[in-house]
Amino acid sequence: MSTHLFVGSFDLSPRAPIAAAIMGLAGLMFMGLVPADARDGVHPEPKWSVSEDFAKSKKARINLSGAACAPTSPPLASCVIVNDDKKYAQTFAIEGTTLRPGRVVRLMPDGAEGDPDAEAAAYDDGYFYVTGSHGRPRHQPEAGNPPSYTLFRYPVDRQTLQPDFVSDEDVKGLETTTRLRGVLKTLPPTADKYDKPLEDGGINIEGLAVRNGRIYFGLRGPSLDKRAFIISVDRDAIFTDREPLHAKSHDLELGADTGIRDLAKVRAGLLVLSGPVNDQPVKPAIYLWVDDGALQKLADLDIAQAGKGAKAETLLVLQDDERGPLRVLVMFDGPENGHPLEYVLKR
């Protein structure tokens, strides 16, 4: 695991009374001998705004839970955001440091029973993907919610990477599958946590990414022996009736009571946004899970600017190239419109 330090300007001359202490602490931090929870988190860039409210109600806007962008030119012109309370997603674009909400993409008819409990989104090869939590409602676990056990995808125009349909009221252009249910029921070591409440260690999906022909689902819960879990399946097979899914379970040692709150694809692998499984005092952090399976912690996050009770749930990649550092946007469940904050990470 690699530790990155962001150090201000200090007087480290021998005459400075605290110089030795500062230098000693910095040295210990560099060697990884100071616990991560004793260090300050990476501070955000406080410059982001939303041009207008996301649709269609405050309840949706305080429950934003995942987003993804397609690789457009100019970048970030075609994105989608989901919430875990309504039956629709919404497109948006990023211009400079402003999010501009766009059209609604309906996932279920408005009058249908239940909701998708949409928790995460991803883009890959001409499609946006949205996943339900595949778990029981947290605040009413005794009530089933079958639509949450669904994976959705819809195509975009190959030139504009925008959906070529308007679906504010009617469901259009969607493919859906419930085949992941069978995987979660049977794939060890988390199979016995299927369809149990999150508070009892039940399975709950909150992260989604698509890379190299596979879909990766990050589990908020369960956390077992300080490990969180990612389930992966074949990208195209899961939208068929019978093609083998080649399902795999991957465990990441993130710490006690720590789950995955989002995933995002980068050139080297997947970024993992971690956080508490429930309401434990676990600081959100970002890891890099590289293609060879190694896990590298990039940063703890200072999220104080998002406000009391805000939960880091959405991770968007703003810059991932050789010209500069890794830049990401984190959005939150709790504050209206997600309160976007940018973080600059060293690798």
Protein backbone atom coordinates (compact mmCIF):
# COMPACT_ATOMS: atom_id res chain seq x y z
CA MET A 1 0.00 0.00 0.00
CA SER A 2 1.32 3.41 -0.94
CA THR A 3 0.90 6.55 1.18
CA HIS A 4 0.70 10.00 -0.41
CA LEU A 5 1.30 13.17 1.59
CA PHE A 6 0.09 16.68 0.90
CA VAL A 7 2.43 18.92 2.90
CA GLY A 8 2.17 22.68 3.28
CA SER A 9 5.01 25.10 3.78
CA PHE A 10 6.76 24.87 7.17
CA ASP A 11 9.86 26.42 8.76
CA LEU A 12 11.97 23.32 9.25
CA SER A 13 15.18 25.12 10.28
CA PRO A 14 17.05 23.74 13.33
CA ARG A 15 16.01 26.87 15.24
CA ALA A 16 12.33 26.02 14.92
CA PRO A 17 11.30 24.40 18.23
CA ILE A 18 8.86 22.02 16.61
CA ALA A 19 10.95 21.18 13.57
CA ALA A 20 12.17 17.87 14.90
CA ALA A 21 8.68 16.80 15.87
CA ILE A 22 7.27 17.71 12.50
CA MET A 23 10.08 15.98 10.65
CA GLY A 24 9.71 12.92 12.84
CA LEU A 25 5.97 12.71 12.26
CA ALA A 26 6.38 13.23 8.53
CA GLY A 27 8.95 10.46 8.44
CA LEU A 28 6.69 8.08 10.32
CA MET A 29 3.80 8.89 7.98
CA PHE A 30 6.01 8.26 4.97
CA MET A 31 6.98 4.85 6.34
CA GLY A 32 3.36 4.03 7.08
CA LEU A 33 3.92 3.86 10.87
CA VAL A 34 1.21 6.38 11.76
CA PRO A 35 -2.27 4.81 11.53
CA ALA A 36 -4.36 6.03 8.60
CA ASP A 37 -7.05 7.31 10.96
CA ALA A 38 -4.47 9.65 12.56
CA ARG A 39 -3.82 11.49 9.31
CA ASP A 40 -5.86 14.25 7.76
CA GLY A 41 -7.95 13.24 4.78
CA VAL A 42 -7.40 14.76 1.35
CA HIS A 43 -9.23 18.09 1.21
CA PRO A 44 -11.66 18.81 -1.66
CA GLU A 45 -11.64 21.58 -4.24
CA PRO A 46 -14.66 23.73 -3.19
CA LYS A 47 -15.68 25.13 -6.55
CA TRP A 48 -18.47 22.93 -7.95
CA SER A 49 -22.11 23.83 -8.56
CA VAL A 50 -25.32 22.45 -10.10
CA SER A 51 -27.01 24.72 -12.63
CA GLU A 52 -30.55 23.69 -11.62
CA ASP A 53 -32.19 21.06 -9.44
CA PHE A 54 -32.14 17.44 -10.52
CA ALA A 55 -35.59 15.94 -11.26
CA LYS A 56 -38.25 15.61 -9.98
CA SER A 57 -38.52 16.03 -6.24
CA LYS A 58 -36.44 16.89 -3.21
CA LYS A 59 -36.72 13.29 -2.05
CA ALA A 60 -34.97 12.17 -5.22
CA ARG A 61 -32.35 14.92 -4.99
CA ILE A 62 -31.29 13.97 -1.46
CA ASN A 63 -30.99 10.30 -2.44
CA LEU A 64 -28.59 10.51 -5.38
CA SER A 65 -26.64 7.28 -5.31
CA GLY A 66 -24.55 6.75 -8.45
CA ALA A 67 -23.41 8.31 -11.71
CA ALA A 68 -21.31 7.59 -14.78
CA CYS A 69 -20.05 9.41 -17.87
CA ALA A 70 -19.27 8.25 -21.41
CA PRO A 71 -15.91 9.16 -23.02
CA THR A 72 -17.09 12.07 -25.16
CA SER A 73 -15.24 14.91 -26.87
CA PRO A 74 -15.41 17.41 -25.26
CA PRO A 75 -15.26 15.19 -22.18
CA LEU A 76 -18.11 14.63 -19.71
CA ALA A 77 -20.84 15.78 -22.09
CA SER A 78 -22.91 12.60 -21.69
CA CYS A 79 -23.52 11.35 -18.14
CA VAL A 80 -26.29 9.70 -16.16
CA ILE A 81 -27.18 9.91 -12.46
CA VAL A 82 -29.47 7.63 -10.46
CA ASN A 83 -31.27 7.80 -7.13
CA ASP A 84 -32.39 5.04 -4.80
CA ASP A 85 -35.92 6.29 -4.27
CA LYS A 86 -37.59 6.84 -7.67
CA LYS A 87 -38.29 4.98 -10.91
CA TYR A 88 -36.06 7.01 -13.20
CA ALA A 89 -32.49 8.05 -13.93
CA GLN A 90 -31.47 11.40 -15.41
CA THR A 91 -28.89 12.51 -17.92
CA PHE A 92 -26.55 15.41 -17.20
CA ALA A 93 -23.44 17.08 -18.56
CA ILE A 94 -20.43 18.66 -16.91
CA GLU A 95 -19.28 22.04 -18.21
CA GLY A 96 -16.23 23.32 -16.40
CA THR A 97 -17.16 22.90 -12.75
CA THR A 98 -20.93 22.95 -13.26
CA LEU A 99 -23.31 19.99 -13.50
CA ARG A 100 -26.17 20.61 -15.94
CA PRO A 101 -29.15 18.21 -15.51
CA GLY A 102 -30.81 16.93 -18.69
CA ARG A 103 -33.56 14.54 -19.74
CA VAL A 104 -35.15 11.82 -17.63
CA VAL A 105 -34.61 8.15 -18.51
CA ARG A 106 -37.46 6.10 -17.08
CA LEU A 107 -36.54 2.71 -15.60
CA MET A 108 -40.04 1.61 -14.56
CA PRO A 109 -43.59 2.81 -15.25
CA ASP A 110 -44.61 5.44 -12.74
CA GLY A 111 -47.56 3.41 -11.49
CA ALA A 112 -45.67 0.13 -11.07
CA GLU A 113 -45.29 -1.38 -7.62
CA GLY A 114 -41.92 -0.95 -5.93
CA ASP A 115 -38.89 0.86 -7.33
CA PRO A 116 -35.49 -0.15 -8.74
CA ASP A 117 -33.61 1.07 -5.64
CA ALA A 118 -31.01 2.21 -8.18
CA GLU A 119 -27.62 2.42 -6.48
CA ALA A 120 -24.99 2.73 -9.20
CA ALA A 121 -24.35 3.44 -12.88
CA ALA A 122 -21.64 2.67 -15.42
CA TYR A 123 -20.85 3.18 -19.10
CA ASP A 124 -19.20 0.79 -21.55
CA ASP A 125 -19.12 0.30 -25.31
CA GLY A 126 -22.30 2.11 -26.33
CA TYR A 127 -24.43 1.38 -23.25
CA PHE A 128 -25.21 2.95 -19.90
CA TYR A 129 -25.83 0.43 -17.11
CA VAL A 130 -27.86 0.91 -13.91
CA THR A 131 -28.11 -1.61 -11.10
CA GLY A 132 -30.62 -2.05 -8.33
CA SER A 133 -29.37 -2.81 -4.83
CA HIS A 134 -30.34 -6.51 -5.06
CA GLY A 135 -31.19 -6.27 -1.36
CA ARG A 136 -34.02 -5.68 1.05
CA PRO A 137 -35.11 -2.08 1.76
CA ARG A 138 -32.94 -0.79 4.57
CA HIS A 139 -35.68 1.02 6.48
CA GLN A 140 -38.38 -1.59 5.84
CA PRO A 141 -36.47 -4.87 5.54
CA GLU A 142 -39.59 -6.90 6.18
CA ALA A 143 -41.03 -5.61 2.91
CA GLY A 144 -39.78 -7.21 -0.28
CA ASN A 145 -38.96 -5.07 -3.30
CA PRO A 146 -38.58 -7.35 -6.36
CA PRO A 147 -37.65 -4.55 -8.82
CA SER A 148 -34.42 -3.91 -6.88
CA TYR A 149 -33.08 -7.27 -8.10
CA THR A 150 -32.71 -5.92 -11.63
CA LEU A 151 -29.84 -4.80 -13.84
CA PHE A 152 -30.75 -2.29 -16.58
CA ARG A 153 -28.96 -1.03 -19.64
CA TYR A 154 -29.86 1.30 -22.50
CA PRO A 155 -28.01 2.17 -25.71
CA VAL A 156 -26.75 5.56 -26.80
CA ASP A 157 -26.12 7.04 -30.22
CA ARG A 158 -22.62 6.01 -31.33
CA GLN A 159 -21.76 9.55 -32.40
CA THR A 160 -23.20 11.71 -29.64
CA LEU A 161 -23.22 9.04 -26.89
CA GLN A 162 -26.61 10.43 -25.86
CA PRO A 163 -29.80 8.34 -25.67
CA ASP A 164 -31.70 8.76 -28.94
CA PHE A 165 -35.08 8.58 -27.20
CA VAL A 166 -37.06 10.59 -24.66
CA SER A 167 -38.61 8.51 -21.88
CA ASP A 168 -39.91 10.92 -19.28
CA GLU A 169 -43.22 9.06 -18.93
CA ASP A 170 -42.83 5.78 -20.85
CA VAL A 171 -40.11 3.15 -20.57
CA LYS A 172 -38.16 3.03 -23.83
CA GLY A 173 -34.95 1.46 -25.06
CA LEU A 174 -34.24 -0.59 -21.93
CA GLU A 175 -32.90 -4.10 -21.59
CA THR A 176 -33.34 -5.71 -18.19
CA THR A 177 -32.12 -8.89 -16.52
CA THR A 178 -32.59 -10.56 -13.14
CA ARG A 179 -29.96 -13.28 -13.67
CA LEU A 180 -27.67 -11.84 -11.00
CA ARG A 181 -30.08 -13.13 -8.35
CA GLY A 182 -29.00 -16.67 -9.10
CA VAL A 183 -25.34 -15.71 -8.76
CA LEU A 184 -25.84 -13.96 -5.42
CA LYS A 185 -27.80 -16.94 -4.05
CA THR A 186 -25.07 -19.46 -4.80
CA LEU A 187 -21.64 -17.81 -5.09
CA PRO A 188 -19.48 -18.20 -1.95
CA PRO A 189 -18.45 -16.74 0.43
CA THR A 190 -21.41 -14.33 0.54
CA ALA A 191 -24.24 -16.59 -0.70
CA ASP A 192 -25.68 -17.16 2.78
CA LYS A 193 -26.14 -13.37 3.10
CA TYR A 194 -28.48 -13.19 0.11
CA ASP A 195 -31.87 -11.55 0.77
CA LYS A 196 -31.04 -10.66 4.36
CA PRO A 197 -31.36 -7.13 5.76
CA LEU A 198 -28.25 -4.98 5.49
CA GLU A 199 -28.23 -4.53 9.30
CA ASP A 200 -27.92 -8.33 9.58
CA GLY A 201 -25.01 -8.49 7.15
CA GLY A 202 -27.15 -8.92 4.05
CA ILE A 203 -26.00 -8.40 0.47
CA ASN A 204 -26.49 -4.89 -0.88
CA ILE A 205 -24.95 -3.60 -4.13
CA GLU A 206 -23.76 0.01 -4.29
CA GLY A 207 -20.94 0.00 -6.86
CA LEU A 208 -20.92 -0.73 -10.60
CA ALA A 209 -18.25 -0.71 -13.29
CA VAL A 210 -17.75 -2.41 -16.64
CA ARG A 211 -14.26 -3.25 -17.85
CA ASN A 212 -12.75 -5.66 -20.38
CA GLY A 213 -16.02 -7.43 -21.09
CA ARG A 214 -17.01 -7.98 -17.45
CA ILE A 215 -19.47 -6.22 -15.13
CA TYR A 216 -18.28 -5.60 -11.58
CA PHE A 217 -20.75 -5.17 -8.71
CA GLY A 218 -19.35 -3.65 -5.50
CA LEU A 219 -21.07 -4.83 -2.32
CA ARG A 220 -21.76 -2.37 0.48
CA GLY A 221 -22.44 -5.41 2.62
CA PRO A 222 -21.55 -7.86 3.91
CA SER A 223 -18.15 -7.14 5.45
CA LEU A 224 -16.50 -10.40 6.54
CA ASP A 225 -13.18 -10.54 8.41
CA LYS A 226 -12.33 -6.98 7.31
CA ARG A 227 -13.03 -7.91 3.68
CA ALA A 228 -15.45 -6.32 1.25
CA PHE A 229 -16.56 -8.05 -1.93
CA ILE A 230 -16.91 -7.47 -5.66
CA ILE A 231 -18.93 -9.89 -7.80
CA SER A 232 -18.11 -9.99 -11.53
CA VAL A 233 -19.90 -11.64 -14.45
CA ASP A 234 -19.64 -11.71 -18.23
CA ARG A 235 -21.01 -8.41 -19.57
CA ASP A 236 -23.00 -9.73 -22.51
CA ALA A 237 -24.01 -13.14 -21.15
CA ILE A 238 -25.99 -11.66 -18.27
CA PHE A 239 -28.44 -10.13 -20.76
CA THR A 240 -29.11 -13.56 -22.30
CA ASP A 241 -31.22 -16.41 -20.94
CA ARG A 242 -28.67 -19.22 -20.94
CA GLU A 243 -25.12 -18.12 -21.79
CA PRO A 244 -22.69 -18.95 -18.95
CA LEU A 245 -21.97 -16.00 -16.69
CA HIS A 246 -18.52 -17.13 -15.49
CA ALA A 247 -19.23 -15.46 -12.14
CA LYS A 248 -16.37 -14.69 -9.76
CA SER A 249 -16.11 -13.29 -6.24
CA HIS A 250 -13.23 -10.96 -5.41
CA ASP A 251 -12.40 -9.90 -1.84
CA LEU A 252 -10.71 -6.62 -0.89
CA GLU A 253 -9.29 -6.03 2.58
CA LEU A 254 -10.75 -2.61 3.34
CA GLY A 255 -11.08 -2.90 7.11
CA ALA A 256 -13.69 -3.73 9.71
CA ASP A 257 -17.28 -2.61 9.03
CA THR A 258 -16.18 -1.21 5.67
CA GLY A 259 -18.01 -1.78 2.41
CA ILE A 260 -17.91 -0.55 -1.18
CA ARG A 261 -19.95 2.56 -1.91
CA ASP A 262 -19.03 2.94 -5.60
CA LEU A 263 -16.70 1.74 -8.36
CA ALA A 264 -15.22 3.62 -11.33
CA LYS A 265 -13.14 2.44 -14.27
CA VAL A 266 -9.67 3.91 -14.89
CA ARG A 267 -6.84 2.91 -17.20
CA ALA A 268 -5.03 0.84 -14.55
CA GLY A 269 -8.06 -0.96 -13.15
CA LEU A 270 -10.97 0.08 -10.91
CA LEU A 271 -11.26 2.84 -8.33
CA VAL A 272 -13.07 1.77 -5.17
CA LEU A 273 -14.93 4.28 -2.98
CA SER A 274 -15.18 2.73 0.48
CA GLY A 275 -17.25 3.68 3.49
CA PRO A 276 -19.20 2.25 6.41
CA VAL A 277 -21.50 -0.71 5.86
CA ASN A 278 -24.12 0.95 8.07
CA ASP A 279 -23.47 3.93 10.34
CA GLN A 280 -20.12 2.93 11.83
CA PRO A 281 -17.43 5.64 12.27
CA VAL A 282 -15.54 4.66 9.11
CA LYS A 283 -13.90 7.44 7.10
CA PRO A 284 -14.57 7.25 3.33
CA ALA A 285 -11.52 6.46 1.23
CA ILE A 286 -10.51 5.77 -2.36
CA TYR A 287 -8.48 2.73 -3.41
CA LEU A 288 -7.05 1.57 -6.73
CA TRP A 289 -7.68 -2.10 -7.48
CA VAL A 290 -5.27 -2.81 -10.32
CA ASP A 291 -5.56 -5.43 -13.02
CA ASP A 292 -3.18 -7.86 -11.32
CA GLY A 293 -5.34 -7.88 -8.20
CA ALA A 294 -3.21 -5.60 -5.99
CA LEU A 295 -5.01 -3.05 -3.84
CA GLN A 296 -3.51 0.42 -3.25
CA LYS A 297 -5.01 3.02 -0.93
CA LEU A 298 -4.90 6.42 -2.59
CA ALA A 299 -6.47 8.64 0.06
CA ASP A 300 -8.81 9.09 2.98
CA LEU A 301 -11.36 11.79 2.18
CA ASP A 302 -12.18 14.89 4.18
CA ILE A 303 -15.94 15.26 3.57
CA ALA A 304 -16.75 17.91 6.19
CA GLN A 305 -17.81 20.40 3.50
CA ALA A 306 -20.65 18.06 2.43
CA GLY A 307 -22.37 18.64 5.76
CA LYS A 308 -23.38 16.60 8.76
CA GLY A 309 -24.78 13.19 7.89
CA ALA A 310 -23.64 13.25 4.24
CA LYS A 311 -22.63 9.84 2.86
CA ALA A 312 -20.11 9.58 0.03
CA GLU A 313 -21.87 7.36 -2.52
CA THR A 314 -20.91 8.47 -6.04
CA LEU A 315 -17.48 8.44 -7.69
CA LEU A 316 -16.85 10.00 -11.11
CA VAL A 317 -13.48 10.17 -12.87
CA LEU A 318 -12.74 13.66 -14.21
CA GLN A 319 -9.16 13.11 -15.40
CA ASP A 320 -7.16 9.93 -15.88
CA ASP A 321 -4.25 10.51 -18.25
CA GLU A 322 -0.51 11.10 -18.27
CA ARG A 323 -0.82 14.90 -18.27
CA GLY A 324 -1.58 15.30 -14.60
CA PRO A 325 -2.89 13.78 -11.38
CA LEU A 326 -5.99 11.66 -11.02
CA ARG A 327 -9.02 13.92 -10.53
CA VAL A 328 -12.32 12.58 -9.25
CA LEU A 329 -15.71 13.97 -8.31
CA VAL A 330 -17.48 12.60 -5.23
CA MET A 331 -21.19 13.16 -4.64
CA PHE A 332 -23.25 12.49 -1.54
CA ASP A 333 -26.47 10.98 -0.30
CA GLY A 334 -28.08 13.49 2.08
CA PRO A 335 -27.43 17.02 0.77
CA GLU A 336 -29.68 18.20 -2.04
CA ASN A 337 -28.25 17.70 -5.57
CA GLY A 338 -25.39 15.60 -4.24
CA HIS A 339 -23.09 18.47 -3.16
CA PRO A 340 -20.30 17.56 -5.64
CA LEU A 341 -16.72 17.82 -4.36
CA GLU A 342 -13.56 17.36 -6.42
CA TYR A 343 -10.50 15.55 -5.06
CA VAL A 344 -7.03 15.47 -6.59
CA LEU A 345 -5.21 12.19 -5.93
CA LYS A 346 -1.59 11.26 -6.39
CA ARG A 347 -0.75 7.76 -7.61
